[in-house]
Each structure stands twice: as C-alpha cells, then as structure tokens.
C-alpha cells in the first residue's frame, strides 16, 4: 500500500513535471557536451542521486501517462497543469462528466501506480 505522503510527493512532482523534465534535459546535454573533456563532471552528474530520482520520475511518469485512457490524461491535465484555474476532483468531474469521487479514485490509482514504480511505499 502506498502512503499518503508518497502520493502527495508524486502529486507535487506531477505539478512540476515540465520543470523537472527541463532540468533532466539540461543535465543530459551537459553530460553529452562534457564527455571526454570533463570526466570528473560526468561522474558527478551520474552520481547525483537527486538527478537520478528526477530521471526515474520522468521515465516512469511518461510511461504511465502514455498508457492512460484519454479521460485520465485529461484528469491529470486539469488537476495538475491547469494554469488558469485550479480544479478539485469535483470540478474535474464536471468537465469530464464523471462524479468527483470517481475522479478521486482515478487520481489515487494513478498516483499510487507511479509511486510504486519509483519505489515509494
């Protein structure tokens, strides 16, 4: 069973997904450009646990998100990436023509799946 704290952590990571993905890409480019010239810097990037966690999150999230049905992808977009208006499960439910409690169950299932796959329980 995935803890509430783990699900909350994953929810915050999803909210920051674009920033995290940008950080990962920047680090990957830095490693590619520095290979062969700054061997110590390369090792430093690869040993960075925080960066490894970000890479793992992005990889797992991308894989899980790509397998979701369209209505669950829309749920993620409305709950976490809607910059104009923050919606709760009831608000998302209105948009998706579903009950708020259904959206809540979907949300918990997706957060739990991601948390389990990144090793959080």
Protein backbone atom coordinates (compact mmCIF):
# COMPACT_ATOMS: atom_id res chain seq x y z
CA UNK A 1 0.00 0.00 0.00
CA UNK A 2 1.29 3.42 -0.95
CA UNK A 3 1.39 6.01 1.82
CA UNK A 4 -0.44 9.32 1.68
CA UNK A 5 2.93 11.09 1.88
CA UNK A 6 4.21 9.19 -1.16
CA UNK A 7 1.11 10.08 -3.17
CA UNK A 8 1.42 13.74 -2.12
CA UNK A 9 5.06 13.75 -3.18
CA UNK A 10 4.17 12.30 -6.59
CA UNK A 11 1.36 14.86 -6.99
CA UNK A 12 3.85 17.69 -6.36
CA UNK A 13 6.25 16.13 -8.87
CA UNK A 14 3.49 15.95 -11.49
CA UNK A 15 2.70 19.63 -10.89
CA UNK A 16 6.38 20.40 -11.55
CA UNK A 17 6.71 17.91 -14.42
CA UNK A 18 7.69 20.47 -17.08
CA UNK A 19 10.38 21.99 -14.84
CA UNK A 20 11.72 18.58 -13.83
CA UNK A 21 11.85 17.38 -17.44
CA UNK A 22 13.67 20.59 -18.43
CA UNK A 23 16.23 20.03 -15.62
CA UNK A 24 16.80 16.44 -16.76
CA UNK A 25 17.29 17.52 -20.39
CA UNK A 26 19.72 20.25 -19.31
CA UNK A 27 21.73 17.76 -17.24
CA UNK A 28 21.75 15.24 -20.09
CA UNK A 29 23.01 17.89 -22.50
CA UNK A 30 25.69 18.92 -20.02
CA UNK A 31 26.84 15.32 -19.74
CA UNK A 32 26.87 14.84 -23.51
CA UNK A 33 28.82 18.07 -24.11
CA UNK A 34 31.30 17.33 -21.36
CA UNK A 35 32.06 13.70 -22.24
CA UNK A 36 35.71 13.14 -22.86
CA UNK A 37 36.66 16.62 -21.69
CA UNK A 38 35.49 16.83 -18.09
CA UNK A 39 35.48 13.26 -16.86
CA UNK A 40 35.04 14.35 -13.22
CA UNK A 41 31.99 16.41 -14.11
CA UNK A 42 30.45 13.47 -15.94
CA UNK A 43 30.91 11.20 -12.96
CA UNK A 44 29.44 13.90 -10.73
CA UNK A 45 26.28 14.04 -12.84
CA UNK A 46 25.90 10.27 -12.88
CA UNK A 47 26.41 10.03 -9.11
CA UNK A 48 23.88 12.75 -8.34
CA UNK A 49 21.11 10.87 -6.52
CA UNK A 50 18.72 13.81 -6.79
CA UNK A 51 19.14 13.87 -10.56
CA UNK A 52 18.72 10.09 -10.76
CA UNK A 53 15.42 10.42 -8.88
CA UNK A 54 14.26 13.06 -11.34
CA UNK A 55 15.20 10.89 -14.31
CA UNK A 56 13.38 7.92 -12.80
CA UNK A 57 10.27 10.02 -12.11
CA UNK A 58 10.19 11.40 -15.67
CA UNK A 59 10.69 7.96 -17.20
CA UNK A 60 8.01 6.33 -15.05
CA UNK A 61 5.56 9.21 -15.44
CA UNK A 62 5.98 9.26 -19.22
CA UNK A 63 5.39 5.53 -19.43
CA UNK A 64 2.33 5.53 -17.13
CA UNK A 65 0.84 8.65 -18.74
CA UNK A 66 1.22 7.21 -22.24
CA UNK A 67 -0.85 4.17 -21.26
CA UNK A 68 -3.71 6.11 -19.68
CA UNK A 69 -7.05 6.43 -21.46
CA UNK A 70 -7.81 9.93 -22.73
CA UNK A 71 -10.17 10.82 -19.86
CA UNK A 72 -7.47 10.05 -17.30
CA UNK A 73 -4.91 12.06 -19.25
CA UNK A 74 -7.38 14.95 -19.21
CA UNK A 75 -7.82 14.45 -15.46
CA UNK A 76 -4.05 14.87 -14.96
CA UNK A 77 -4.03 17.97 -17.15
CA UNK A 78 -6.96 19.57 -15.33
CA UNK A 79 -5.81 18.68 -11.82
CA UNK A 80 -2.11 19.49 -12.13
CA UNK A 81 -1.37 21.56 -15.22
CA UNK A 82 -4.34 23.91 -15.48
CA UNK A 83 -2.63 27.28 -15.04
CA UNK A 84 -5.76 29.41 -15.32
CA UNK A 85 -7.94 27.77 -12.69
CA UNK A 86 -7.15 25.15 -10.06
CA UNK A 87 -9.80 22.46 -10.05
CA UNK A 88 -10.53 19.87 -7.40
CA UNK A 89 -11.89 16.39 -8.16
CA UNK A 90 -15.46 17.68 -8.24
CA UNK A 91 -14.53 20.42 -10.72
CA UNK A 92 -12.67 17.97 -12.92
CA UNK A 93 -15.63 15.63 -12.69
CA UNK A 94 -17.92 18.33 -14.05
CA UNK A 95 -15.61 18.86 -17.01
CA UNK A 96 -15.28 15.13 -17.70
CA UNK A 97 -18.91 14.27 -16.97
CA UNK A 98 -17.93 11.99 -14.09
CA UNK A 99 -18.60 12.01 -10.38
CA UNK A 100 -15.98 13.74 -8.22
CA UNK A 101 -15.48 10.56 -6.20
CA UNK A 102 -14.70 8.68 -9.44
CA UNK A 103 -12.08 11.30 -10.30
CA UNK A 104 -10.67 10.91 -6.78
CA UNK A 105 -10.34 7.15 -7.23
CA UNK A 106 -8.68 7.61 -10.63
CA UNK A 107 -6.30 10.15 -9.12
CA UNK A 108 -5.33 7.87 -6.22
CA UNK A 109 -4.82 4.93 -8.59
CA UNK A 110 -2.53 6.90 -10.92
CA UNK A 111 -0.53 8.46 -8.06
CA UNK A 112 -0.17 5.05 -6.39
CA UNK A 113 0.94 3.38 -9.61
CA UNK A 114 3.64 5.98 -10.18
CA UNK A 115 4.75 5.90 -6.53
CA UNK A 116 5.08 2.12 -6.56
CA UNK A 117 7.07 2.16 -9.80
CA UNK A 118 9.55 4.73 -8.47
CA UNK A 119 9.95 2.72 -5.26
CA UNK A 120 7.87 4.79 -2.83
CA UNK A 121 5.50 2.98 -0.49
